[in-house]
Amino acid sequence: MKVLFLTSGEQARPLADWIGQRDTLTVRETPVSAQELVALAPDLIVSHSYRHILKRDVLAAAPGRFINLHISLLPYNRGADPNLWSFLDATPKGVSIHLIDEGIDTGALLLQREVSFDEASETLASSYAKLQQAINDLFIDNWSSLRDGHIAPRAQSGAGTFHRASEFAALKDALLGAEGWHVPIPVLRQRYRTSRAVAAHGGRQA
């Protein structure tokens, strides 16, 4: 089987290596065109931490063969920084594997797994690592069914939530502070509440 693996992140490399030990694998980090996709002729396209938007003509070149690995319990936290926003919005947490359509993380669901955290002892970095491990485990546990198309897709239900990268970018320094990605989750939440309170008072500390 020929698998095209689309990624922009080092955290996806172990999974790519795992697939490569079992099937014919091509890894792509840069944008892919419809013409390139036709030439590669993959049986399955796996997107994991891929920063490039797949345009309509690209999706049309291999209909039904694109799947995405997303570290949120969809439909919650579509878009950017799902781990961060699951804590700030107090939404359900987990991982999802879904078909890719023209929306952002809106495609039909194939697999999901809820992930629980002891938030008092977690940091943004540790929770992210656990979600990455969970999505890898979910994929590996179900690889034969995914590769053979034996999982029936089901539509996402409910409005869910969505965030853009610019939202976190505007708050990043205030939220991460001196700890950076190792900021404890309770501290992260308190800083977010403070930033919202300041914004509500026109930039003045309440």
N, C-alpha and C. Protein backbone atom coordinates (compact mmCIF):
# COMPACT_ATOMS: atom_id res chain seq x y z
N MET A 1 0.85 -1.20 0.00
CA MET A 1 0.00 0.00 0.00
C MET A 1 0.88 1.24 0.00
N LYS A 2 0.49 2.26 -0.77
CA LYS A 2 1.24 3.52 -0.84
C LYS A 2 0.56 4.57 0.03
N VAL A 3 1.33 5.09 1.00
CA VAL A 3 0.81 6.08 1.94
C VAL A 3 1.59 7.38 1.78
N LEU A 4 0.88 8.48 1.60
CA LEU A 4 1.47 9.81 1.60
C LEU A 4 1.22 10.42 2.98
N PHE A 5 2.28 10.79 3.67
CA PHE A 5 2.18 11.32 5.03
C PHE A 5 2.53 12.80 4.99
N LEU A 6 1.55 13.64 5.31
CA LEU A 6 1.72 15.09 5.29
C LEU A 6 1.94 15.60 6.71
N THR A 7 3.06 16.26 6.94
CA THR A 7 3.33 16.75 8.28
C THR A 7 4.25 17.97 8.23
N SER A 8 4.16 18.78 9.26
CA SER A 8 5.07 19.91 9.43
C SER A 8 5.73 19.89 10.80
N GLY A 9 5.56 18.80 11.53
CA GLY A 9 6.05 18.76 12.90
C GLY A 9 6.86 17.52 13.21
N GLU A 10 7.91 17.69 13.99
CA GLU A 10 8.76 16.57 14.38
C GLU A 10 8.00 15.55 15.22
N GLN A 11 6.96 16.00 15.95
CA GLN A 11 6.23 15.08 16.81
C GLN A 11 5.53 13.98 16.03
N ALA A 12 5.35 14.18 14.72
CA ALA A 12 4.69 13.18 13.89
C ALA A 12 5.67 12.17 13.31
N ARG A 13 6.95 12.41 13.44
CA ARG A 13 7.95 11.54 12.83
C ARG A 13 7.89 10.09 13.31
N PRO A 14 7.74 9.84 14.62
CA PRO A 14 7.67 8.43 15.05
C PRO A 14 6.55 7.65 14.37
N LEU A 15 5.41 8.29 14.18
CA LEU A 15 4.30 7.60 13.52
C LEU A 15 4.60 7.38 12.04
N ALA A 16 5.23 8.36 11.41
CA ALA A 16 5.62 8.19 10.02
C ALA A 16 6.60 7.02 9.87
N ASP A 17 7.55 6.94 10.79
CA ASP A 17 8.51 5.84 10.75
C ASP A 17 7.80 4.49 10.94
N TRP A 18 6.81 4.47 11.81
CA TRP A 18 6.06 3.23 12.07
C TRP A 18 5.34 2.76 10.81
N ILE A 19 4.71 3.71 10.11
CA ILE A 19 4.02 3.35 8.86
C ILE A 19 5.03 2.87 7.83
N GLY A 20 6.17 3.57 7.75
CA GLY A 20 7.19 3.24 6.77
C GLY A 20 7.77 1.85 6.93
N GLN A 21 7.67 1.28 8.11
CA GLN A 21 8.14 -0.08 8.34
C GLN A 21 7.14 -1.12 7.83
N ARG A 22 5.95 -0.69 7.46
CA ARG A 22 4.89 -1.62 7.08
C ARG A 22 4.37 -1.41 5.66
N ASP A 23 4.48 -0.18 5.17
CA ASP A 23 3.94 0.13 3.85
C ASP A 23 4.88 1.08 3.12
N THR A 24 4.62 1.29 1.85
CA THR A 24 5.41 2.22 1.05
C THR A 24 5.03 3.65 1.43
N LEU A 25 5.99 4.39 1.93
CA LEU A 25 5.69 5.70 2.53
C LEU A 25 6.42 6.83 1.83
N THR A 26 5.68 7.92 1.59
CA THR A 26 6.26 9.18 1.14
C THR A 26 5.89 10.24 2.16
N VAL A 27 6.87 10.97 2.69
CA VAL A 27 6.62 12.03 3.67
C VAL A 27 6.77 13.38 2.96
N ARG A 28 5.80 14.24 3.17
CA ARG A 28 5.81 15.56 2.52
C ARG A 28 5.56 16.63 3.57
N GLU A 29 6.44 17.65 3.62
CA GLU A 29 6.29 18.75 4.57
C GLU A 29 5.83 20.02 3.88
N THR A 30 6.06 20.14 2.58
CA THR A 30 5.70 21.33 1.82
C THR A 30 4.33 21.15 1.18
N PRO A 31 3.73 22.23 0.66
CA PRO A 31 2.42 22.11 0.01
C PRO A 31 2.46 21.12 -1.16
N VAL A 32 1.38 20.41 -1.34
CA VAL A 32 1.29 19.43 -2.44
C VAL A 32 0.21 19.89 -3.41
N SER A 33 0.47 19.74 -4.70
CA SER A 33 -0.50 20.14 -5.72
C SER A 33 -1.30 18.94 -6.19
N ALA A 34 -2.38 19.21 -6.88
CA ALA A 34 -3.20 18.13 -7.42
C ALA A 34 -2.41 17.30 -8.42
N GLN A 35 -1.59 17.96 -9.24
CA GLN A 35 -0.80 17.24 -10.23
C GLN A 35 0.21 16.30 -9.56
N GLU A 36 0.84 16.77 -8.49
CA GLU A 36 1.79 15.93 -7.76
C GLU A 36 1.09 14.74 -7.12
N LEU A 37 -0.11 14.99 -6.62
CA LEU A 37 -0.86 13.93 -5.97
C LEU A 37 -1.23 12.84 -6.98
N VAL A 38 -1.62 13.24 -8.16
CA VAL A 38 -1.95 12.26 -9.20
C VAL A 38 -0.72 11.45 -9.56
N ALA A 39 0.44 12.10 -9.63
CA ALA A 39 1.67 11.40 -9.98
C ALA A 39 2.09 10.43 -8.89
N LEU A 40 1.91 10.81 -7.64
CA LEU A 40 2.28 9.94 -6.52
C LEU A 40 1.32 8.76 -6.39
N ALA A 41 0.06 9.00 -6.71
CA ALA A 41 -1.00 7.97 -6.69
C ALA A 41 -1.04 7.19 -5.37
N PRO A 42 -1.14 7.90 -4.23
CA PRO A 42 -1.20 7.18 -2.95
C PRO A 42 -2.56 6.52 -2.74
N ASP A 43 -2.55 5.40 -2.02
CA ASP A 43 -3.81 4.76 -1.66
C ASP A 43 -4.47 5.45 -0.49
N LEU A 44 -3.64 6.11 0.35
CA LEU A 44 -4.14 6.81 1.53
C LEU A 44 -3.25 8.00 1.81
N ILE A 45 -3.85 9.13 2.19
CA ILE A 45 -3.10 10.33 2.56
C ILE A 45 -3.40 10.63 4.03
N VAL A 46 -2.35 10.64 4.85
CA VAL A 46 -2.49 10.88 6.28
C VAL A 46 -1.90 12.25 6.60
N SER A 47 -2.70 13.13 7.18
CA SER A 47 -2.26 14.45 7.60
C SER A 47 -2.13 14.48 9.12
N HIS A 48 -0.95 14.88 9.59
CA HIS A 48 -0.71 14.94 11.04
C HIS A 48 0.19 16.14 11.32
N SER A 49 -0.38 17.17 11.99
CA SER A 49 0.37 18.40 12.29
C SER A 49 0.89 19.05 11.00
N TYR A 50 0.05 19.09 9.99
CA TYR A 50 0.40 19.65 8.68
C TYR A 50 -0.13 21.08 8.63
N ARG A 51 0.73 22.04 8.34
CA ARG A 51 0.37 23.46 8.44
C ARG A 51 -0.19 24.06 7.16
N HIS A 52 -0.29 23.28 6.12
CA HIS A 52 -0.75 23.81 4.84
C HIS A 52 -2.19 23.39 4.56
N ILE A 53 -2.97 24.35 4.06
CA ILE A 53 -4.36 24.08 3.72
C ILE A 53 -4.43 23.24 2.45
N LEU A 54 -5.23 22.18 2.50
CA LEU A 54 -5.45 21.34 1.31
C LEU A 54 -6.60 21.94 0.51
N LYS A 55 -6.30 22.41 -0.67
CA LYS A 55 -7.29 23.11 -1.49
C LYS A 55 -8.24 22.12 -2.18
N ARG A 56 -9.31 22.68 -2.70
CA ARG A 56 -10.38 21.86 -3.29
C ARG A 56 -9.87 20.94 -4.38
N ASP A 57 -8.99 21.46 -5.27
CA ASP A 57 -8.53 20.61 -6.37
C ASP A 57 -7.65 19.47 -5.88
N VAL A 58 -6.92 19.69 -4.79
CA VAL A 58 -6.09 18.64 -4.22
C VAL A 58 -6.98 17.54 -3.63
N LEU A 59 -7.99 17.94 -2.86
CA LEU A 59 -8.90 16.96 -2.28
C LEU A 59 -9.65 16.19 -3.37
N ALA A 60 -9.99 16.87 -4.47
CA ALA A 60 -10.73 16.22 -5.55
C ALA A 60 -9.86 15.21 -6.31
N ALA A 61 -8.54 15.35 -6.18
CA ALA A 61 -7.64 14.43 -6.90
C ALA A 61 -7.57 13.05 -6.25
N ALA A 62 -8.00 12.98 -4.98
CA ALA A 62 -7.99 11.69 -4.28
C ALA A 62 -9.18 11.64 -3.32
N PRO A 63 -10.39 11.67 -3.84
CA PRO A 63 -11.58 11.76 -2.98
C PRO A 63 -11.70 10.59 -2.02
N GLY A 64 -11.99 10.92 -0.76
CA GLY A 64 -12.20 9.90 0.25
C GLY A 64 -10.94 9.26 0.78
N ARG A 65 -9.77 9.73 0.32
CA ARG A 65 -8.52 9.09 0.73
C ARG A 65 -7.71 9.94 1.71
N PHE A 66 -8.22 11.09 2.11
CA PHE A 66 -7.52 11.96 3.04
C PHE A 66 -8.05 11.76 4.46
N ILE A 67 -7.16 11.50 5.41
CA ILE A 67 -7.57 11.48 6.82
C ILE A 67 -6.65 12.40 7.61
N ASN A 68 -7.18 12.97 8.67
CA ASN A 68 -6.43 13.90 9.51
C ASN A 68 -6.42 13.43 10.96
N LEU A 69 -5.30 13.63 11.62
CA LEU A 69 -5.15 13.32 13.04
C LEU A 69 -5.16 14.63 13.80
N HIS A 70 -6.13 14.79 14.70
CA HIS A 70 -6.33 16.07 15.39
C HIS A 70 -6.42 15.83 16.89
N ILE A 71 -5.65 16.61 17.67
CA ILE A 71 -5.60 16.37 19.11
C ILE A 71 -6.68 17.15 19.87
N SER A 72 -7.92 16.92 19.46
CA SER A 72 -9.06 17.41 20.24
C SER A 72 -10.20 16.43 20.07
N LEU A 73 -11.19 16.53 20.93
CA LEU A 73 -12.38 15.70 20.82
C LEU A 73 -13.40 16.47 19.99
N LEU A 74 -13.29 16.33 18.68
CA LEU A 74 -14.17 17.07 17.77
C LEU A 74 -15.64 16.77 18.05
N PRO A 75 -16.52 17.79 17.90
CA PRO A 75 -16.29 19.06 17.22
C PRO A 75 -15.67 20.16 18.08
N TYR A 76 -15.25 19.85 19.28
CA TYR A 76 -14.62 20.87 20.12
C TYR A 76 -13.20 21.15 19.67
N ASN A 77 -12.84 22.43 19.71
CA ASN A 77 -11.47 22.88 19.45
C ASN A 77 -10.96 22.50 18.07
N ARG A 78 -11.79 22.80 17.07
CA ARG A 78 -11.31 22.77 15.70
C ARG A 78 -10.28 23.90 15.53
N GLY A 79 -9.44 23.75 14.53
CA GLY A 79 -8.50 24.81 14.23
C GLY A 79 -7.21 24.71 15.03
N ALA A 80 -6.67 25.88 15.39
CA ALA A 80 -5.33 25.96 15.97
C ALA A 80 -5.33 25.76 17.49
N ASP A 81 -4.23 25.26 17.98
CA ASP A 81 -3.93 25.16 19.42
C ASP A 81 -5.05 24.48 20.21
N PRO A 82 -5.49 23.31 19.78
CA PRO A 82 -6.62 22.66 20.45
C PRO A 82 -6.35 22.29 21.90
N ASN A 83 -5.14 21.88 22.23
CA ASN A 83 -4.84 21.52 23.61
C ASN A 83 -5.01 22.71 24.53
N LEU A 84 -4.43 23.83 24.17
CA LEU A 84 -4.55 25.06 24.96
C LEU A 84 -6.01 25.42 25.20
N TRP A 85 -6.79 25.47 24.12
CA TRP A 85 -8.16 25.96 24.25
C TRP A 85 -9.08 24.98 24.97
N SER A 86 -8.73 23.70 24.96
CA SER A 86 -9.55 22.76 25.71
C SER A 86 -9.52 23.08 27.20
N PHE A 87 -8.40 23.60 27.69
CA PHE A 87 -8.30 23.99 29.09
C PHE A 87 -8.91 25.37 29.34
N LEU A 88 -8.65 26.30 28.44
CA LEU A 88 -9.16 27.66 28.65
C LEU A 88 -10.67 27.73 28.47
N ASP A 89 -11.22 26.92 27.58
CA ASP A 89 -12.68 26.90 27.37
C ASP A 89 -13.39 25.84 28.19
N ALA A 90 -12.61 25.02 28.91
CA ALA A 90 -13.17 23.92 29.72
C ALA A 90 -14.07 23.02 28.89
N THR A 91 -13.55 22.59 27.73
CA THR A 91 -14.29 21.70 26.84
C THR A 91 -13.77 20.26 26.98
N PRO A 92 -14.52 19.28 26.49
CA PRO A 92 -14.05 17.89 26.54
C PRO A 92 -12.71 17.73 25.83
N LYS A 93 -11.91 16.79 26.32
CA LYS A 93 -10.55 16.63 25.82
C LYS A 93 -10.36 15.23 25.25
N GLY A 94 -9.60 15.14 24.18
CA GLY A 94 -9.35 13.86 23.58
C GLY A 94 -8.69 14.01 22.23
N VAL A 95 -8.78 12.97 21.40
CA VAL A 95 -8.17 12.98 20.08
C VAL A 95 -9.15 12.41 19.06
N SER A 96 -8.98 12.81 17.81
CA SER A 96 -9.91 12.40 16.75
C SER A 96 -9.15 12.11 15.46
N ILE A 97 -9.62 11.10 14.74
CA ILE A 97 -9.16 10.83 13.38
C ILE A 97 -10.38 10.98 12.48
N HIS A 98 -10.26 11.84 11.47
CA HIS A 98 -11.44 12.15 10.66
C HIS A 98 -11.07 12.32 9.20
N LEU A 99 -12.06 12.19 8.34
CA LEU A 99 -11.88 12.49 6.93
C LEU A 99 -11.69 13.99 6.75
N ILE A 100 -10.97 14.36 5.72
CA ILE A 100 -10.74 15.78 5.44
C ILE A 100 -11.71 16.25 4.37
N ASP A 101 -12.40 17.35 4.67
CA ASP A 101 -13.24 18.01 3.67
C ASP A 101 -12.71 19.43 3.49
N GLU A 102 -13.50 20.30 2.88
CA GLU A 102 -13.01 21.66 2.60
C GLU A 102 -13.04 22.57 3.82
N GLY A 103 -13.68 22.15 4.90
CA GLY A 103 -13.68 22.94 6.11
C GLY A 103 -12.43 22.66 6.94
N ILE A 104 -12.32 23.33 8.07
CA ILE A 104 -11.18 23.14 8.97
C ILE A 104 -11.61 22.21 10.10
N ASP A 105 -11.14 20.97 10.03
CA ASP A 105 -11.44 19.94 11.04
C ASP A 105 -12.94 19.66 11.14
N THR A 106 -13.63 19.73 10.01
CA THR A 106 -15.08 19.52 10.00
C THR A 106 -15.49 18.19 9.37
N GLY A 107 -14.54 17.42 8.87
CA GLY A 107 -14.86 16.19 8.16
C GLY A 107 -15.45 15.11 9.05
N ALA A 108 -16.07 14.13 8.43
CA ALA A 108 -16.73 13.03 9.16
C ALA A 108 -15.72 12.27 10.02
N LEU A 109 -16.17 11.86 11.19
CA LEU A 109 -15.32 11.20 12.16
C LEU A 109 -15.15 9.72 11.83
N LEU A 110 -13.92 9.24 12.04
CA LEU A 110 -13.64 7.81 11.92
C LEU A 110 -13.42 7.19 13.30
N LEU A 111 -12.59 7.84 14.11
CA LEU A 111 -12.25 7.33 15.43
C LEU A 111 -12.06 8.47 16.41
N GLN A 112 -12.41 8.23 17.67
CA GLN A 112 -12.15 9.20 18.73
C GLN A 112 -11.77 8.47 20.01
N ARG A 113 -11.03 9.16 20.85
CA ARG A 113 -10.70 8.63 22.16
C ARG A 113 -10.62 9.79 23.15
N GLU A 114 -11.40 9.70 24.22
CA GLU A 114 -11.37 10.74 25.24
C GLU A 114 -10.11 10.58 26.10
N VAL A 115 -9.54 11.69 26.52
CA VAL A 115 -8.34 11.68 27.36
C VAL A 115 -8.62 12.51 28.61
N SER A 116 -8.33 11.93 29.76
CA SER A 116 -8.55 12.61 31.04
C SER A 116 -7.23 13.11 31.60
N PHE A 117 -7.28 14.25 32.28
CA PHE A 117 -6.09 14.83 32.88
C PHE A 117 -6.34 15.18 34.34
N ASP A 118 -5.31 14.99 35.16
CA ASP A 118 -5.28 15.57 36.49
C ASP A 118 -4.69 16.97 36.33
N GLU A 119 -5.57 17.93 36.11
CA GLU A 119 -5.11 19.26 35.71
C GLU A 119 -4.21 19.92 36.75
N ALA A 120 -4.37 19.55 38.01
CA ALA A 120 -3.55 20.16 39.06
C ALA A 120 -2.07 19.82 38.89
N SER A 121 -1.79 18.71 38.21
CA SER A 121 -0.40 18.28 38.08
C SER A 121 0.12 18.37 36.65
N GLU A 122 -0.70 18.89 35.75
CA GLU A 122 -0.31 18.96 34.34
C GLU A 122 0.24 20.35 33.97
N THR A 123 1.10 20.35 32.96
CA THR A 123 1.52 21.58 32.31
C THR A 123 1.02 21.56 30.87
N LEU A 124 1.16 22.67 30.17
CA LEU A 124 0.75 22.70 28.76
C LEU A 124 1.59 21.70 27.96
N ALA A 125 2.88 21.60 28.30
CA ALA A 125 3.76 20.67 27.58
C ALA A 125 3.42 19.22 27.88
N SER A 126 3.18 18.88 29.13
CA SER A 126 2.91 17.48 29.47
C SER A 126 1.57 17.02 28.91
N SER A 127 0.57 17.89 28.93
CA SER A 127 -0.74 17.52 28.38
C SER A 127 -0.66 17.35 26.87
N TYR A 128 0.12 18.19 26.22
CA TYR A 128 0.31 18.07 24.77
C TYR A 128 0.98 16.74 24.44
N ALA A 129 2.00 16.38 25.20
CA ALA A 129 2.70 15.11 24.96
C ALA A 129 1.75 13.92 25.13
N LYS A 130 0.87 13.99 26.12
CA LYS A 130 -0.08 12.90 26.35
C LYS A 130 -1.08 12.78 25.21
N LEU A 131 -1.51 13.91 24.66
CA LEU A 131 -2.43 13.88 23.54
C LEU A 131 -1.74 13.33 22.29
N GLN A 132 -0.49 13.69 22.08
CA GLN A 132 0.24 13.16 20.93
C GLN A 132 0.39 11.64 21.06
N GLN A 133 0.66 11.17 22.26
CA GLN A 133 0.78 9.73 22.46
C GLN A 133 -0.57 9.05 22.23
N ALA A 134 -1.64 9.70 22.68
CA ALA A 134 -2.98 9.13 22.52
C ALA A 134 -3.38 9.03 21.06
N ILE A 135 -3.06 10.06 20.26
CA ILE A 135 -3.45 10.01 18.84
C ILE A 135 -2.62 8.96 18.10
N ASN A 136 -1.34 8.83 18.48
CA ASN A 136 -0.51 7.79 17.86
C ASN A 136 -1.04 6.40 18.21
N ASP A 137 -1.38 6.19 19.48
CA ASP A 137 -1.91 4.89 19.91
C ASP A 137 -3.22 4.56 19.21
N LEU A 138 -4.10 5.56 19.09
CA LEU A 138 -5.39 5.34 18.43
C LEU A 138 -5.18 4.93 16.98
N PHE A 139 -4.26 5.60 16.32
CA PHE A 139 -3.96 5.30 14.91
C PHE A 139 -3.39 3.89 14.77
N ILE A 140 -2.39 3.58 15.57
CA ILE A 140 -1.73 2.27 15.49
C ILE A 140 -2.69 1.13 15.83
N ASP A 141 -3.50 1.34 16.87
CA ASP A 141 -4.44 0.30 17.29
C ASP A 141 -5.45 -0.03 16.19
N ASN A 142 -5.71 0.93 15.31
CA ASN A 142 -6.74 0.75 14.29
C ASN A 142 -6.19 0.82 12.87
N TRP A 143 -4.89 0.65 12.71
CA TRP A 143 -4.27 0.86 11.41
C TRP A 143 -4.85 -0.05 10.32
N SER A 144 -5.02 -1.31 10.60
CA SER A 144 -5.52 -2.21 9.56
C SER A 144 -6.90 -1.79 9.08
N SER A 145 -7.76 -1.34 9.98
CA SER A 145 -9.11 -0.90 9.59
C SER A 145 -9.06 0.42 8.84
N LEU A 146 -8.17 1.32 9.24
CA LEU A 146 -8.03 2.60 8.56
C LEU A 146 -7.50 2.40 7.14
N ARG A 147 -6.47 1.60 6.99
CA ARG A 147 -5.84 1.41 5.67
C ARG A 147 -6.76 0.69 4.71
N ASP A 148 -7.63 -0.17 5.22
CA ASP A 148 -8.53 -0.94 4.37
C ASP A 148 -9.90 -0.30 4.21
N GLY A 149 -10.11 0.85 4.85
CA GLY A 149 -11.38 1.56 4.73
C GLY A 149 -12.55 0.85 5.37
N HIS A 150 -12.31 0.17 6.47
CA HIS A 150 -13.36 -0.61 7.12
C HIS A 150 -14.09 0.14 8.23
N ILE A 151 -13.79 1.42 8.41
CA ILE A 151 -14.46 2.20 9.46
C ILE A 151 -15.48 3.13 8.80
N ALA A 152 -16.73 3.00 9.20
CA ALA A 152 -17.80 3.82 8.62
C ALA A 152 -17.72 5.24 9.18
N PRO A 153 -17.60 6.25 8.32
CA PRO A 153 -17.56 7.64 8.80
C PRO A 153 -18.89 8.05 9.41
N ARG A 154 -18.84 8.93 10.40
CA ARG A 154 -20.06 9.49 10.98
C ARG A 154 -19.89 11.01 11.08
N ALA A 155 -20.94 11.72 10.76
CA ALA A 155 -20.89 13.18 10.76
C ALA A 155 -20.65 13.71 12.17
N GLN A 156 -19.92 14.82 12.25
CA GLN A 156 -19.76 15.48 13.53
C GLN A 156 -21.10 16.06 13.97
N SER A 157 -21.32 16.05 15.29
CA SER A 157 -22.59 16.50 15.83
C SER A 157 -22.38 17.69 16.77
N GLY A 158 -23.16 18.74 16.57
CA GLY A 158 -23.09 19.91 17.45
C GLY A 158 -22.20 20.99 16.86
N ALA A 159 -22.35 22.19 17.41
CA ALA A 159 -21.61 23.35 16.90
C ALA A 159 -20.13 23.28 17.24
N GLY A 160 -19.81 22.75 18.42
CA GLY A 160 -18.41 22.67 18.82
C GLY A 160 -17.80 24.04 19.01
N THR A 161 -16.48 24.11 18.90
CA THR A 161 -15.75 25.37 19.04
C THR A 161 -14.64 25.43 18.01
N PHE A 162 -14.15 26.64 17.75
CA PHE A 162 -13.11 26.86 16.75
C PHE A 162 -12.23 28.03 17.18
N HIS A 163 -10.93 27.89 16.97
CA HIS A 163 -10.00 28.98 17.28
C HIS A 163 -8.96 29.13 16.18
N ARG A 164 -8.59 30.38 15.92
CA ARG A 164 -7.55 30.69 14.96
C ARG A 164 -6.20 30.85 15.66
N ALA A 165 -5.12 30.66 14.91
CA ALA A 165 -3.78 30.79 15.47
C ALA A 165 -3.55 32.20 16.03
N SER A 166 -4.17 33.20 15.42
CA SER A 166 -3.97 34.58 15.85
C SER A 166 -4.49 34.83 17.26
N GLU A 167 -5.46 34.04 17.71
CA GLU A 167 -6.02 34.24 19.05
C GLU A 167 -4.98 33.93 20.13
N PHE A 168 -4.29 32.80 19.98
CA PHE A 168 -3.24 32.47 20.94
C PHE A 168 -2.04 33.38 20.77
N ALA A 169 -1.71 33.72 19.53
CA ALA A 169 -0.55 34.59 19.28
C ALA A 169 -0.67 35.91 20.03
N ALA A 170 -1.90 36.45 20.11
CA ALA A 170 -2.11 37.72 20.80
C ALA A 170 -1.94 37.62 22.31
N LEU A 171 -2.07 36.40 22.85
CA LEU A 171 -2.02 36.20 24.30
C LEU A 171 -0.80 35.41 24.75
N LYS A 172 0.00 34.95 23.81
CA LYS A 172 1.04 33.97 24.11
C LYS A 172 1.97 34.39 25.24
N ASP A 173 2.53 35.58 25.15
CA ASP A 173 3.49 36.03 26.18
C ASP A 173 2.85 36.11 27.54
N ALA A 174 1.63 36.64 27.59
CA ALA A 174 0.94 36.80 28.87
C ALA A 174 0.58 35.46 29.48
N LEU A 175 0.22 34.49 28.66
CA LEU A 175 -0.22 33.20 29.17
C LEU A 175 0.95 32.29 29.55
N LEU A 176 1.98 32.25 28.74
CA LEU A 176 3.08 31.33 29.00
C LEU A 176 4.04 31.84 30.06
N GLY A 177 4.24 33.16 30.12
CA GLY A 177 5.10 33.72 31.15
C GLY A 177 6.51 33.17 31.10
N ALA A 178 7.18 33.16 32.25
CA ALA A 178 8.56 32.69 32.33
C ALA A 178 8.67 31.18 32.15
N GLU A 179 7.58 30.45 32.44
CA GLU A 179 7.62 28.98 32.35
C GLU A 179 7.56 28.47 30.91
N GLY A 180 7.08 29.29 29.99
CA GLY A 180 6.92 28.83 28.62
C GLY A 180 5.91 27.70 28.53
N TRP A 181 6.20 26.69 27.72
CA TRP A 181 5.27 25.59 27.51
C TRP A 181 5.08 24.73 28.77
N HIS A 182 5.94 24.93 29.75
CA HIS A 182 5.84 24.16 30.99
C HIS A 182 4.99 24.88 32.05
N VAL A 183 4.22 25.84 31.62
CA VAL A 183 3.33 26.54 32.55
C VAL A 183 2.29 25.56 33.10
N PRO A 184 2.09 25.53 34.42
CA PRO A 184 1.05 24.65 34.99
C PRO A 184 -0.33 25.07 34.50
N ILE A 185 -1.20 24.10 34.30
CA ILE A 185 -2.54 24.38 33.78
C ILE A 185 -3.31 25.34 34.69
N PRO A 186 -3.29 25.19 36.04
CA PRO A 186 -4.00 26.15 36.88
C PRO A 186 -3.48 27.58 36.71
N VAL A 187 -2.17 27.73 36.53
CA VAL A 187 -1.59 29.06 36.32
C VAL A 187 -2.02 29.62 34.96
N LEU A 188 -2.02 28.76 33.96
CA LEU A 188 -2.47 29.17 32.62
C LEU A 188 -3.89 29.71 32.67
N ARG A 189 -4.76 29.00 33.36
CA ARG A 189 -6.16 29.42 33.44
C ARG A 189 -6.30 30.76 34.18
N GLN A 190 -5.55 30.92 35.26
CA GLN A 190 -5.63 32.17 36.02
C GLN A 190 -5.14 33.34 35.18
N ARG A 191 -4.08 33.13 34.45
CA ARG A 191 -3.58 34.21 33.59
C ARG A 191 -4.58 34.57 32.50
N TYR A 192 -5.28 33.56 31.99
CA TYR A 192 -6.28 33.83 30.96
C TYR A 192 -7.43 34.63 31.55
N ARG A 193 -7.88 34.25 32.74
CA ARG A 193 -8.95 35.01 33.38
C ARG A 193 -8.52 36.45 33.62
N THR A 194 -7.30 36.65 34.05
CA THR A 194 -6.79 37.99 34.29
C THR A 194 -6.73 38.80 33.00
N SER A 195 -6.26 38.19 31.94
CA SER A 195 -6.16 38.90 30.66
C SER A 195 -7.54 39.31 30.14
N ARG A 196 -8.53 38.46 30.35
CA ARG A 196 -9.89 38.79 29.92
C ARG A 196 -10.47 39.92 30.76
N ALA A 197 -10.17 39.89 32.06
CA ALA A 197 -10.65 40.95 32.94
C ALA A 197 -10.03 42.30 32.57
N VAL A 198 -8.74 42.28 32.26
CA VAL A 198 -8.06 43.51 31.86
C VAL A 198 -8.65 44.03 30.56
N ALA A 199 -8.89 43.14 29.60
CA ALA A 199 -9.47 43.53 28.33
C ALA A 199 -10.86 44.13 28.52
N ALA A 200 -11.63 43.55 29.43
CA ALA A 200 -12.99 44.05 29.68
C ALA A 200 -12.99 45.45 30.29
N HIS A 201 -11.88 45.82 30.95
CA HIS A 201 -11.77 47.14 31.56
C HIS A 201 -10.92 48.09 30.72
N GLY A 202 -10.89 47.81 29.44
CA GLY A 202 -10.20 48.71 28.52
C GLY A 202 -8.71 48.72 28.69
N GLY A 203 -8.12 47.58 29.08
CA GLY A 203 -6.67 47.50 29.21
C GLY A 203 -6.16 47.90 30.57
N ARG A 204 -7.06 48.25 31.51
CA ARG A 204 -6.65 48.63 32.86
C ARG A 204 -6.87 47.47 33.81
N GLN A 205 -5.96 47.25 34.72
CA GLN A 205 -6.09 46.17 35.70
C GLN A 205 -7.32 46.41 36.55
N ALA A 206 -8.16 45.36 36.71
CA ALA A 206 -9.39 45.52 37.48
C ALA A 206 -9.09 45.68 38.96
